[in-house]
Protein backbone atom coordinates (compact mmCIF):
# COMPACT_ATOMS: atom_id res chain seq x y z
CA UNK A 1 65.52 -33.47 84.15
CA UNK A 2 67.33 -30.70 82.24
CA UNK A 3 69.46 -32.03 79.39
CA UNK A 4 72.08 -30.32 77.28
CA UNK A 5 73.44 -31.78 74.08
CA UNK A 6 77.17 -32.13 73.59
CA UNK A 7 77.04 -29.59 70.75
CA UNK A 8 75.37 -27.05 73.04
CA UNK A 9 78.07 -27.53 75.65
CA UNK A 10 80.70 -26.99 72.96
CA UNK A 11 78.99 -23.73 71.97
CA UNK A 12 78.87 -22.56 75.56
CA UNK A 13 82.51 -23.49 76.32
CA UNK A 14 83.71 -21.63 73.22
CA UNK A 15 81.96 -18.42 74.29
CA UNK A 16 83.11 -18.90 77.90
CA UNK A 17 86.72 -19.27 76.75
CA UNK A 18 86.70 -16.40 74.29
CA UNK A 19 84.31 -14.07 76.17
CA UNK A 20 83.51 -12.76 72.70
CA UNK A 21 80.69 -14.06 70.52
CA UNK A 22 82.32 -13.22 67.19
CA UNK A 23 85.60 -14.97 68.05
CA UNK A 24 83.70 -17.96 69.42
CA UNK A 25 81.64 -18.17 66.23
CA UNK A 26 84.81 -18.18 64.12
CA UNK A 27 86.29 -20.89 66.34
CA UNK A 28 83.15 -23.00 65.90
CA UNK A 29 82.76 -22.19 62.18
CA UNK A 30 79.16 -21.05 62.60
CA UNK A 31 77.37 -17.72 62.15
CA UNK A 32 77.35 -15.40 65.14
CA UNK A 33 73.52 -14.95 65.17
CA UNK A 34 73.09 -18.73 65.31
CA UNK A 35 75.54 -18.95 68.20
CA UNK A 36 73.82 -16.15 70.12
CA UNK A 37 70.46 -17.84 69.63
CA UNK A 38 71.87 -21.19 70.85
CA UNK A 39 73.25 -19.58 74.03
CA UNK A 40 69.90 -17.93 74.74
CA UNK A 41 68.18 -21.31 74.34
CA UNK A 42 70.58 -22.84 76.87
CA UNK A 43 69.96 -20.05 79.36
CA UNK A 44 66.18 -20.38 78.92
CA UNK A 45 66.33 -24.13 79.46
CA UNK A 46 68.50 -23.81 82.57
CA UNK A 47 66.52 -20.87 83.89
CA UNK A 48 69.65 -18.87 84.76
CA UNK A 49 71.79 -16.28 82.93
CA UNK A 50 75.21 -17.60 81.98
CA UNK A 51 76.72 -14.37 80.66
CA UNK A 52 76.52 -10.66 81.42
CA UNK A 53 76.51 -8.92 78.04
CA UNK A 54 77.18 -5.29 77.22
CA UNK A 55 78.22 -3.41 74.11
CA UNK A 56 81.84 -3.51 75.29
CA UNK A 57 82.40 -6.90 76.85
CA UNK A 58 81.03 -10.30 77.83
CA UNK A 59 81.64 -11.92 81.21
CA UNK A 60 80.50 -15.07 82.97
CA UNK A 61 77.94 -15.08 85.77
CA UNK A 62 78.53 -17.37 88.79
CA UNK A 63 76.23 -19.90 87.09
CA UNK A 64 78.32 -19.60 83.93
CA UNK A 65 81.53 -20.17 85.86
CA UNK A 66 80.08 -23.36 87.35
CA UNK A 67 78.87 -24.63 83.98
CA UNK A 68 82.22 -23.89 82.36
CA UNK A 69 84.10 -25.94 84.96
CA UNK A 70 81.76 -28.93 84.98
CA UNK A 71 80.88 -28.68 81.29
CA UNK A 72 84.52 -28.92 80.29
CA UNK A 73 84.91 -32.07 82.41
CA UNK A 74 81.78 -33.50 80.77
CA UNK A 75 83.10 -32.85 77.25
CA UNK A 76 86.47 -34.35 78.16
CA UNK A 77 84.70 -37.43 79.52
CA UNK A 78 82.69 -37.87 76.33
CA UNK A 79 85.81 -37.46 74.18
CA UNK A 80 87.72 -39.94 76.32
CA UNK A 81 84.88 -42.47 76.17
CA UNK A 82 84.74 -42.29 72.37
CA UNK A 83 88.51 -42.54 71.98
CA UNK A 84 88.81 -45.42 74.43
CA UNK A 85 85.93 -47.32 72.86
CA UNK A 86 87.60 -47.11 69.47
CA UNK A 87 91.00 -48.01 70.87
CA UNK A 88 89.61 -50.94 72.85
CA UNK A 89 88.49 -52.46 69.57
CA UNK A 90 91.87 -51.82 67.95
CA UNK A 91 94.14 -54.74 68.82
CA UNK A 92 97.08 -52.96 67.17
CA UNK A 93 96.70 -49.63 68.99
CA UNK A 94 99.88 -47.96 70.16
CA UNK A 95 100.31 -46.85 73.75
CA UNK A 96 100.63 -43.06 74.07
CA UNK A 97 102.79 -41.57 76.82
CA UNK A 98 102.74 -37.83 77.55
CA UNK A 99 105.45 -35.94 79.45
CA UNK A 100 107.25 -32.61 79.50
CA UNK A 101 110.60 -32.47 77.64
CA UNK A 102 113.24 -33.80 80.02
CA UNK A 103 110.57 -34.65 82.59
CA UNK A 104 111.41 -38.31 83.20
CA UNK A 105 114.19 -38.02 85.85
CA UNK A 106 116.28 -40.30 83.65
CA UNK A 107 113.88 -43.23 84.11
CA UNK A 108 112.17 -43.44 80.73
CA UNK A 109 114.70 -45.62 78.93
CA UNK A 110 114.58 -48.18 81.76
CA UNK A 111 110.79 -48.17 81.82
CA UNK A 112 110.59 -48.67 78.05
CA UNK A 113 113.12 -51.50 78.21
CA UNK A 114 111.11 -53.21 80.96
CA UNK A 115 107.87 -52.75 79.04
CA UNK A 116 109.42 -54.29 75.94
CA UNK A 117 109.69 -57.57 77.90
CA UNK A 118 105.92 -57.70 78.44
CA UNK A 119 104.28 -60.34 76.22
CA UNK A 120 101.56 -57.88 75.18
CA UNK A 121 103.86 -54.87 74.67
CA UNK A 122 102.81 -52.36 72.02
CA UNK A 123 104.70 -49.59 70.32
CA UNK A 124 104.95 -46.54 72.59
CA UNK A 125 104.28 -43.13 71.04
CA UNK A 126 105.82 -40.34 73.13
CA UNK A 127 103.95 -37.03 73.23
CA UNK A 128 105.45 -33.83 74.60
CA UNK A 129 103.27 -31.13 76.12
CA UNK A 130 103.52 -27.78 77.85
CA UNK A 131 103.44 -27.17 81.61
CA UNK A 132 99.66 -27.01 81.91
CA UNK A 133 98.02 -29.61 79.70
CA UNK A 134 99.53 -33.03 80.41
CA UNK A 135 96.62 -33.87 82.69
CA UNK A 136 94.19 -32.81 79.95
CA UNK A 137 95.83 -35.34 77.63
CA UNK A 138 94.99 -38.08 80.13
CA UNK A 139 91.49 -36.90 80.94
CA UNK A 140 90.33 -36.50 77.34
CA UNK A 141 91.99 -39.64 76.00
CA UNK A 142 94.72 -38.13 73.84
CA UNK A 143 97.25 -40.04 75.95
CA UNK A 144 97.01 -43.32 77.86
CA UNK A 145 99.66 -42.71 80.53
CA UNK A 146 101.71 -39.71 81.57
CA UNK A 147 104.71 -38.72 83.64
CA UNK A 148 103.64 -35.91 85.97
CA UNK A 149 105.21 -34.03 88.85
CA UNK A 150 103.44 -33.88 92.22
CA UNK A 151 102.48 -31.64 93.91
CA UNK A 152 102.56 -29.37 90.85
CA UNK A 153 100.21 -31.25 88.50
CA UNK A 154 96.53 -31.71 89.35
CA UNK A 155 96.03 -35.45 89.94
CA UNK A 156 92.28 -35.23 90.58
CA UNK A 157 90.52 -38.06 88.74
CA UNK A 158 93.80 -39.75 87.86
CA UNK A 159 95.22 -42.97 89.22
CA UNK A 160 98.94 -42.66 89.89
CA UNK A 161 102.01 -44.36 91.29
CA UNK A 162 105.17 -42.65 92.51
CA UNK A 163 108.27 -43.61 90.54
CA UNK A 164 110.83 -41.25 92.04
CA UNK A 165 111.17 -38.60 94.76
CA UNK A 166 113.75 -35.84 94.77
CA UNK A 167 114.63 -32.57 96.43
CA UNK A 168 114.03 -29.17 94.89
CA UNK A 169 116.75 -26.67 94.14
CA UNK A 170 116.98 -22.94 93.61
CA UNK A 171 118.42 -22.17 90.17
CA UNK A 172 120.50 -18.99 90.34
CA UNK A 173 122.90 -17.03 88.14
CA UNK A 174 126.47 -17.82 89.17
CA UNK A 175 126.93 -14.24 90.42
CA UNK A 176 123.80 -14.24 92.58
CA UNK A 177 124.09 -13.28 96.26
CA UNK A 178 123.01 -16.81 97.30
CA UNK A 179 125.07 -18.74 94.74
CA UNK A 180 127.80 -19.68 97.22
CA UNK A 181 125.47 -21.05 99.88
CA UNK A 182 125.38 -24.78 100.70
CA UNK A 183 121.57 -24.54 101.02
CA UNK A 184 118.80 -21.98 101.28
CA UNK A 185 115.28 -21.73 102.66
CA UNK A 186 112.27 -20.39 100.80
CA UNK A 187 112.41 -17.28 103.00
CA UNK A 188 115.87 -16.54 101.59
CA UNK A 189 114.22 -16.09 98.19
CA UNK A 190 111.74 -13.49 99.44
CA UNK A 191 111.77 -10.49 97.11
CA UNK A 192 113.26 -12.47 94.21
CA UNK A 193 111.51 -12.52 90.85
CA UNK A 194 109.96 -15.95 90.18
CA UNK A 195 108.49 -17.10 86.85
CA UNK A 196 104.86 -17.29 85.82
CA UNK A 197 104.20 -20.54 83.96
CA UNK A 198 102.24 -20.20 80.74
CA UNK A 199 98.76 -21.68 81.07
CA UNK A 200 99.10 -22.31 84.81
CA UNK A 201 96.86 -20.03 86.92
CA UNK A 202 97.83 -18.95 90.41
CA UNK A 203 101.29 -19.39 91.86
CA UNK A 204 103.67 -16.92 93.45
CA UNK A 205 105.46 -15.82 90.29
CA UNK A 206 105.65 -12.13 89.46
CA UNK A 207 108.18 -12.29 86.64
CA UNK A 208 107.87 -12.83 82.90
CA UNK A 209 105.80 -15.76 81.64
CA UNK A 210 107.75 -18.85 80.56
CA UNK A 211 106.50 -21.85 78.62
CA UNK A 212 109.13 -24.43 79.54
CA UNK A 213 112.31 -25.10 81.48
CA UNK A 214 114.53 -24.08 78.56
CA UNK A 215 113.00 -20.59 78.56
CA UNK A 216 113.27 -20.41 82.35
CA UNK A 217 116.97 -21.29 82.37
CA UNK A 218 117.67 -18.70 79.70
CA UNK A 219 115.90 -16.00 81.72
CA UNK A 220 117.87 -16.99 84.84
CA UNK A 221 121.15 -16.90 82.89
CA UNK A 222 120.51 -13.25 81.97
CA UNK A 223 119.56 -12.47 85.60
CA UNK A 224 115.89 -11.73 84.93
CA UNK A 225 114.63 -14.15 87.59
CA UNK A 226 115.40 -17.21 89.71
CA UNK A 227 113.56 -20.54 89.83
CA UNK A 228 112.82 -23.49 92.11
CA UNK A 229 112.57 -26.84 90.37
CA UNK A 230 113.06 -30.58 90.90
CA UNK A 231 116.77 -31.27 90.66
CA UNK A 232 116.49 -33.67 87.71
CA UNK A 233 115.01 -30.97 85.46
CA UNK A 234 118.21 -28.92 85.59
CA UNK A 235 120.93 -31.57 85.54
CA UNK A 236 123.46 -31.30 84.09
CA UNK A 237 123.52 -27.69 85.27
CA UNK A 238 124.08 -25.27 82.34
CA UNK A 239 127.13 -23.03 82.34
CA UNK A 240 126.59 -19.77 84.18
CA UNK A 241 124.06 -21.23 86.61
CA UNK A 242 124.24 -22.88 90.02
CA UNK A 243 121.76 -25.07 91.89
CA UNK A 244 121.36 -24.70 95.64
CA UNK A 245 119.17 -27.14 97.65
CA UNK A 246 116.05 -25.60 99.19
CA UNK A 247 115.81 -27.31 102.56
CA UNK A 248 112.18 -26.47 103.38
CA UNK A 249 110.63 -26.96 99.93
CA UNK A 250 108.39 -30.06 99.78
CA UNK A 251 110.01 -32.85 97.78
CA UNK A 252 108.95 -33.37 94.20
CA UNK A 253 107.54 -36.73 93.13
CA UNK A 254 107.64 -38.04 89.59
CA UNK A 255 104.46 -40.08 89.16
CA UNK A 256 103.10 -42.32 86.45
CA UNK A 257 99.45 -41.36 86.00
CA UNK A 258 96.48 -42.57 83.97
CA UNK A 259 92.72 -42.01 83.90
CA UNK A 260 91.28 -43.81 86.92
CA UNK A 261 88.41 -45.11 84.74
CA UNK A 262 90.80 -46.68 82.24
CA UNK A 263 91.17 -50.38 83.08
CA UNK A 264 92.44 -51.61 79.73
CA UNK A 265 95.17 -54.29 79.78
CA UNK A 266 97.17 -51.95 77.51
CA UNK A 267 97.55 -49.50 80.39
CA UNK A 268 97.86 -52.07 83.19
CA UNK A 269 100.75 -53.77 81.42
CA UNK A 270 102.69 -50.51 81.09
CA UNK A 271 102.06 -49.60 84.73
CA UNK A 272 103.34 -53.01 85.84
CA UNK A 273 106.47 -52.54 83.76
CA UNK A 274 107.11 -49.06 85.15
CA UNK A 275 106.89 -50.38 88.70
CA UNK A 276 109.04 -53.41 87.92
CA UNK A 277 112.64 -53.99 89.00
CA UNK A 278 114.16 -52.16 86.04
CA UNK A 279 111.49 -49.40 85.78
CA UNK A 280 110.91 -47.31 88.89
CA UNK A 281 113.38 -46.31 91.61
């Protein structure tokens, strides 16, 4: 059986992310020759090349791509196991909830009020994240529960319950050709500039990269692009913008999610509160 140590996986992931040995060495706070030697040892042990190296660039081989994907999950699992073991022994641990700013569809205050009635309620620390890493917070143990949007967030490996469903709307400048319509279809937006979300690969966006809804709305206000979002993320609608329902866009679901391996009472109690009469809708 071939075994890799956690430290070796960390070395490999750093080089795979940076695609540059010097930058990876700085990130890891080790000497570059030592890092290069460690990567060669890993390749020898696995019996496959992980990188194609030249004087100008470094790139991953297919084997390297596979190890990066699965190795990152392995490191996240180890981190989550350590964090959860420590927190399981801490009877005063706070519950950590991650969400995007404004990404609660107006439900969070009701959920927190319901949770406060639980006999084992803890203090809830609220963490805000960007568009791409809320699921990472749950997988690596930085957060216990999270508010995510389906089908946009990757729910693989996460348990989840739907709290709220809503339609999606096109956000347009008030002078846009479609601004006066009662509704539109996705085909009506063909040829429009849509955003690229920072840290989120893929998608149909061809416009400037945006990191959050605030940046998106600003870019729409100055007529640089249009957007399609769950209605709750843009209400109340800012001045100078209009929202038009998109009739054929799949509905958006706000879900409460947590690591499917996490069975701590701390999490179960919060989930029960969120699904209670004053929590979900």
